[in-house]
Amino acid sequence: MILIPEFKSIKEMCDYASKNVLIPFLEQATIKVEKLITQFIQERFYDMYSPTTYIRTRKLLDSVAHTDIKKVGQYSYEVIVYLDPSNAYYYNVDRTTGEVFDVDANYVFSLAAEGFHGSSGIQTEGQFWKEAREDLNERRTYDIVADLNSISLVMESKLNNKEIE
């Protein structure tokens, strides 16, 4: 049984809804978006090419991360899903000298997002980042609005009934 408190003001009701509905929704939506981006990386990058000159580390998959949920207005929140370069280390080896040098992870991410695999000479059609963003914007794979609508209907029901079993 869920008991909904009596609200003395609209602000109190909005604060309750933010804490008990909106923030948990954002947490779940963030997980879904991370999984979607990971799926796009797998299908539109890794599955499109099998390297022969380097060992795939799968660090790109491990780099999908998100910020904490941040309040950006009275009842507005923000969370950003991104590729975290601190979760990835890339290096290259000079074939003539054997010298190892670091490669900036953001540079590798940008090349991978355009379909490049290990060098500028190997490119596939997959553009995982662009395609994931388009998918989210067009709500083809994950319909954030539908999820939010279903949560708002539950909340409306709870507010009208004040008690739900």
C-alpha atoms as a PDB file:
ATOM      1  CA  MET A   1       0.000   0.000   0.000  1.00  0.00           C
ATOM      2  CA  ILE A   2       1.329   3.431  -0.951  1.00  0.00           C
ATOM      3  CA  LEU A   3       0.101   6.390   1.036  1.00  0.00           C
ATOM      4  CA  ILE A   4       0.154   9.767  -0.638  1.00  0.00           C
ATOM      5  CA  PRO A   5       0.386  12.663   1.804  1.00  0.00           C
ATOM      6  CA  GLU A   6      -2.037  15.541   1.893  1.00  0.00           C
ATOM      7  CA  PHE A   7      -0.443  18.541   0.207  1.00  0.00           C
ATOM      8  CA  LYS A   8      -0.780  22.004   1.682  1.00  0.00           C
ATOM      9  CA  SER A   9       0.442  23.741  -1.466  1.00  0.00           C
ATOM     10  CA  ILE A  10       1.212  23.215  -5.124  1.00  0.00           C
ATOM     11  CA  LYS A  11       4.905  23.658  -4.303  1.00  0.00           C
ATOM     12  CA  GLU A  12       4.735  20.862  -1.745  1.00  0.00           C
ATOM     13  CA  MET A  13       3.027  18.612  -4.299  1.00  0.00           C
ATOM     14  CA  CYS A  14       5.601  19.479  -6.977  1.00  0.00           C
ATOM     15  CA  ASP A  15       8.483  18.818  -4.591  1.00  0.00           C
ATOM     16  CA  TYR A  16       6.944  15.452  -3.719  1.00  0.00           C
ATOM     17  CA  ALA A  17       6.473  14.597  -7.408  1.00  0.00           C
ATOM     18  CA  SER A  18      10.046  15.613  -8.220  1.00  0.00           C
ATOM     19  CA  LYS A  19      11.523  13.493  -5.444  1.00  0.00           C
ATOM     20  CA  ASN A  20       9.261  10.461  -5.817  1.00  0.00           C
ATOM     21  CA  VAL A  21       8.494  10.401  -9.539  1.00  0.00           C
ATOM     22  CA  LEU A  22      10.671  12.615 -11.708  1.00  0.00           C
ATOM     23  CA  ILE A  23      14.091  11.820 -10.254  1.00  0.00           C
ATOM     24  CA  PRO A  24      13.487   8.029 -10.157  1.00  0.00           C
ATOM     25  CA  PHE A  25      12.179   8.281 -13.739  1.00  0.00           C
ATOM     26  CA  LEU A  26      15.340  10.131 -14.819  1.00  0.00           C
ATOM     27  CA  GLU A  27      17.496   7.503 -13.133  1.00  0.00           C
ATOM     28  CA  GLN A  28      15.728   4.717 -15.046  1.00  0.00           C
ATOM     29  CA  ALA A  29      15.712   6.663 -18.319  1.00  0.00           C
ATOM     30  CA  THR A  30      19.455   7.279 -17.970  1.00  0.00           C
ATOM     31  CA  ILE A  31      20.108   3.550 -17.615  1.00  0.00           C
ATOM     32  CA  LYS A  32      17.980   2.849 -20.695  1.00  0.00           C
ATOM     33  CA  VAL A  33      19.760   5.513 -22.743  1.00  0.00           C
ATOM     34  CA  GLU A  34      23.184   4.167 -21.689  1.00  0.00           C
ATOM     35  CA  LYS A  35      22.108   0.665 -22.744  1.00  0.00           C
ATOM     36  CA  LEU A  36      20.834   2.008 -26.058  1.00  0.00           C
ATOM     37  CA  ILE A  37      24.114   3.802 -26.782  1.00  0.00           C
ATOM     38  CA  THR A  38      26.066   0.690 -25.792  1.00  0.00           C
ATOM     39  CA  GLN A  39      23.903  -1.339 -28.171  1.00  0.00           C
ATOM     40  CA  PHE A  40      24.601   1.117 -31.003  1.00  0.00           C
ATOM     41  CA  ILE A  41      28.351   0.955 -30.289  1.00  0.00           C
ATOM     42  CA  GLN A  42      28.211  -2.835 -30.407  1.00  0.00           C
ATOM     43  CA  GLU A  43      26.048  -3.137 -33.520  1.00  0.00           C
ATOM     44  CA  ARG A  44      27.140  -0.100 -35.536  1.00  0.00           C
ATOM     45  CA  PHE A  45      30.837  -0.167 -34.649  1.00  0.00           C
ATOM     46  CA  TYR A  46      32.215  -3.396 -33.180  1.00  0.00           C
ATOM     47  CA  ASP A  47      30.035  -5.777 -35.215  1.00  0.00           C
ATOM     48  CA  MET A  48      30.954  -4.041 -38.474  1.00  0.00           C
ATOM     49  CA  TYR A  49      34.673  -4.834 -38.466  1.00  0.00           C
ATOM     50  CA  SER A  50      37.005  -7.460 -37.029  1.00  0.00           C
ATOM     51  CA  PRO A  51      40.496  -6.020 -36.538  1.00  0.00           C
ATOM     52  CA  THR A  52      43.540  -7.838 -37.866  1.00  0.00           C
ATOM     53  CA  THR A  53      46.283  -5.379 -36.908  1.00  0.00           C
ATOM     54  CA  TYR A  54      45.313  -4.585 -33.323  1.00  0.00           C
ATOM     55  CA  ILE A  55      43.643  -6.226 -30.339  1.00  0.00           C
ATOM     56  CA  ARG A  56      40.229  -4.859 -29.557  1.00  0.00           C
ATOM     57  CA  THR A  57      39.994  -3.760 -25.907  1.00  0.00           C
ATOM     58  CA  ARG A  58      36.286  -2.841 -25.899  1.00  0.00           C
ATOM     59  CA  LYS A  59      37.144   0.281 -23.893  1.00  0.00           C
ATOM     60  CA  LEU A  60      34.712   2.270 -26.018  1.00  0.00           C
ATOM     61  CA  LEU A  61      31.834   0.218 -24.580  1.00  0.00           C
ATOM     62  CA  ASP A  62      33.158   0.742 -21.059  1.00  0.00           C
ATOM     63  CA  SER A  63      33.357   4.492 -21.560  1.00  0.00           C
ATOM     64  CA  VAL A  64      29.579   5.088 -21.713  1.00  0.00           C
ATOM     65  CA  ALA A  65      28.836   7.121 -18.584  1.00  0.00           C
ATOM     66  CA  HIS A  66      26.464   9.739 -17.206  1.00  0.00           C
ATOM     67  CA  THR A  67      26.524  12.765 -14.964  1.00  0.00           C
ATOM     68  CA  ASP A  68      24.620  12.966 -11.722  1.00  0.00           C
ATOM     69  CA  ILE A  69      21.096  14.312 -12.023  1.00  0.00           C
ATOM     70  CA  LYS A  70      21.339  18.059 -11.565  1.00  0.00           C
ATOM     71  CA  LYS A  71      18.583  20.542 -10.836  1.00  0.00           C
ATOM     72  CA  VAL A  72      18.723  23.321 -13.457  1.00  0.00           C
ATOM     73  CA  GLY A  73      15.533  25.221 -12.712  1.00  0.00           C
ATOM     74  CA  GLN A  74      12.692  25.289 -10.241  1.00  0.00           C
ATOM     75  CA  TYR A  75      11.362  21.944 -11.501  1.00  0.00           C
ATOM     76  CA  SER A  76      13.833  21.135 -14.260  1.00  0.00           C
ATOM     77  CA  TYR A  77      16.567  18.530 -14.095  1.00  0.00           C
ATOM     78  CA  GLU A  78      19.422  17.510 -16.337  1.00  0.00           C
ATOM     79  CA  VAL A  79      21.458  14.364 -16.784  1.00  0.00           C
ATOM     80  CA  ILE A  80      23.995  13.896 -19.570  1.00  0.00           C
ATOM     81  CA  VAL A  81      25.018  10.559 -21.067  1.00  0.00           C
ATOM     82  CA  TYR A  82      28.473  10.772 -22.657  1.00  0.00           C
ATOM     83  CA  LEU A  83      31.663   8.902 -23.506  1.00  0.00           C
ATOM     84  CA  ASP A  84      34.058   9.293 -20.587  1.00  0.00           C
ATOM     85  CA  PRO A  85      37.700   9.485 -21.704  1.00  0.00           C
ATOM     86  CA  SER A  86      38.921   8.679 -18.192  1.00  0.00           C
ATOM     87  CA  ASN A  87      37.576   5.150 -18.655  1.00  0.00           C
ATOM     88  CA  ALA A  88      39.690   4.550 -21.752  1.00  0.00           C
ATOM     89  CA  TYR A  89      43.394   4.492 -22.445  1.00  0.00           C
ATOM     90  CA  TYR A  90      44.660   4.250 -26.001  1.00  0.00           C
ATOM     91  CA  TYR A  91      48.191   4.014 -27.294  1.00  0.00           C
ATOM     92  CA  ASN A  92      49.980   3.492 -30.563  1.00  0.00           C
ATOM     93  CA  VAL A  93      53.321   1.905 -31.344  1.00  0.00           C
ATOM     94  CA  ASP A  94      55.750   3.393 -33.867  1.00  0.00           C
ATOM     95  CA  ARG A  95      56.542   0.442 -36.150  1.00  0.00           C
ATOM     96  CA  THR A  96      60.067   1.608 -36.916  1.00  0.00           C
ATOM     97  CA  THR A  97      61.267   2.541 -33.416  1.00  0.00           C
ATOM     98  CA  GLY A  98      58.894   0.524 -31.232  1.00  0.00           C
ATOM     99  CA  GLU A  99      58.178   3.670 -29.241  1.00  0.00           C
ATOM    100  CA  VAL A 100      54.797   3.660 -27.501  1.00  0.00           C
ATOM    101  CA  PHE A 101      52.854   6.904 -27.331  1.00  0.00           C
ATOM    102  CA  ASP A 102      49.509   7.861 -25.854  1.00  0.00           C
ATOM    103  CA  VAL A 103      46.550   8.686 -28.068  1.00  0.00           C
ATOM    104  CA  ASP A 104      43.888  11.053 -26.754  1.00  0.00           C
ATOM    105  CA  ALA A 105      40.705   9.077 -25.967  1.00  0.00           C
ATOM    106  CA  ASN A 106      38.444  11.875 -27.251  1.00  0.00           C
ATOM    107  CA  TYR A 107      40.269  11.722 -30.580  1.00  0.00           C
ATOM    108  CA  VAL A 108      39.697   7.955 -30.738  1.00  0.00           C
ATOM    109  CA  PHE A 109      36.033   8.437 -29.782  1.00  0.00           C
ATOM    110  CA  SER A 110      35.513  11.002 -32.542  1.00  0.00           C
ATOM    111  CA  LEU A 111      37.102   8.743 -35.152  1.00  0.00           C
ATOM    112  CA  ALA A 112      35.118   5.711 -33.942  1.00  0.00           C
ATOM    113  CA  ALA A 113      31.896   7.723 -34.058  1.00  0.00           C
ATOM    114  CA  GLU A 114      32.583   8.296 -37.762  1.00  0.00           C
ATOM    115  CA  GLY A 115      33.193   4.576 -38.362  1.00  0.00           C
ATOM    116  CA  PHE A 116      37.011   4.542 -38.335  1.00  0.00           C
ATOM    117  CA  HIS A 117      38.636   1.415 -36.881  1.00  0.00           C
ATOM    118  CA  GLY A 118      42.209   1.796 -35.666  1.00  0.00           C
ATOM    119  CA  SER A 119      43.370   3.974 -38.573  1.00  0.00           C
ATOM    120  CA  SER A 120      42.113   6.389 -41.183  1.00  0.00           C
ATOM    121  CA  GLY A 121      42.345   3.623 -43.779  1.00  0.00           C
ATOM    122  CA  ILE A 122      39.640   1.457 -42.227  1.00  0.00           C
ATOM    123  CA  GLN A 123      36.165   2.954 -42.195  1.00  0.00           C
ATOM    124  CA  THR A 124      32.746   1.311 -42.086  1.00  0.00           C
ATOM    125  CA  GLU A 125      29.361   2.924 -42.599  1.00  0.00           C
ATOM    126  CA  GLY A 126      28.329   2.766 -38.930  1.00  0.00           C
ATOM    127  CA  GLN A 127      28.146   6.103 -37.130  1.00  0.00           C
ATOM    128  CA  PHE A 128      27.013   4.944 -33.710  1.00  0.00           C
ATOM    129  CA  TRP A 129      26.807   8.315 -31.954  1.00  0.00           C
ATOM    130  CA  LYS A 130      24.872  10.097 -34.692  1.00  0.00           C
ATOM    131  CA  GLU A 131      22.578   7.117 -35.172  1.00  0.00           C
ATOM    132  CA  ALA A 132      21.906   6.725 -31.433  1.00  0.00           C
ATOM    133  CA  ARG A 133      21.068  10.440 -31.142  1.00  0.00           C
ATOM    134  CA  GLU A 134      18.760  10.258 -34.161  1.00  0.00           C
ATOM    135  CA  ASP A 135      17.083   7.182 -32.723  1.00  0.00           C
ATOM    136  CA  LEU A 136      16.499   8.888 -29.385  1.00  0.00           C
ATOM    137  CA  ASN A 137      15.264  12.094 -31.030  1.00  0.00           C
ATOM    138  CA  GLU A 138      12.841  10.155 -33.220  1.00  0.00           C
ATOM    139  CA  ARG A 139      11.941   7.779 -30.356  1.00  0.00           C
ATOM    140  CA  ARG A 140      12.371   4.698 -32.480  1.00  0.00           C
ATOM    141  CA  THR A 141      13.982   2.363 -29.943  1.00  0.00           C
ATOM    142  CA  TYR A 142      13.261   4.013 -26.615  1.00  0.00           C
ATOM    143  CA  ASP A 143      10.229   6.235 -26.192  1.00  0.00           C
ATOM    144  CA  ILE A 144      11.072   8.500 -23.274  1.00  0.00           C
ATOM    145  CA  VAL A 145       7.791  10.398 -23.675  1.00  0.00           C
ATOM    146  CA  ALA A 146       5.743   7.180 -23.392  1.00  0.00           C
ATOM    147  CA  ASP A 147       7.623   6.237 -20.225  1.00  0.00           C
ATOM    148  CA  LEU A 148       7.062   9.700 -18.773  1.00  0.00           C
ATOM    149  CA  ASN A 149       3.357   9.607 -19.726  1.00  0.00           C
ATOM    150  CA  SER A 150       2.882   6.251 -18.013  1.00  0.00           C
ATOM    151  CA  ILE A 151       4.595   7.552 -14.869  1.00  0.00           C
ATOM    152  CA  SER A 152       2.482  10.727 -14.889  1.00  0.00           C
ATOM    153  CA  LEU A 153      -0.721   8.643 -15.187  1.00  0.00           C
ATOM    154  CA  VAL A 154       0.320   6.591 -12.157  1.00  0.00           C
ATOM    155  CA  MET A 155       1.144   9.759 -10.233  1.00  0.00           C
ATOM    156  CA  GLU A 156      -2.179  11.360 -11.239  1.00  0.00           C
ATOM    157  CA  SER A 157      -3.985   8.236 -10.079  1.00  0.00           C
ATOM    158  CA  LYS A 158      -2.101   8.311  -6.753  1.00  0.00           C
ATOM    159  CA  LEU A 159      -2.927  11.982  -6.245  1.00  0.00           C
ATOM    160  CA  ASN A 160      -6.626  11.490  -7.026  1.00  0.00           C
ATOM    161  CA  ASN A 161      -7.025   8.387  -4.845  1.00  0.00           C
ATOM    162  CA  LYS A 162      -4.545   9.458  -2.158  1.00  0.00           C
ATOM    163  CA  GLU A 163      -4.071   5.779  -1.366  1.00  0.00           C
ATOM    164  CA  ILE A 164      -3.133   2.998  -3.780  1.00  0.00           C
ATOM    165  CA  GLU A 165      -2.901  -0.714  -3.053  1.00  0.00           C
END
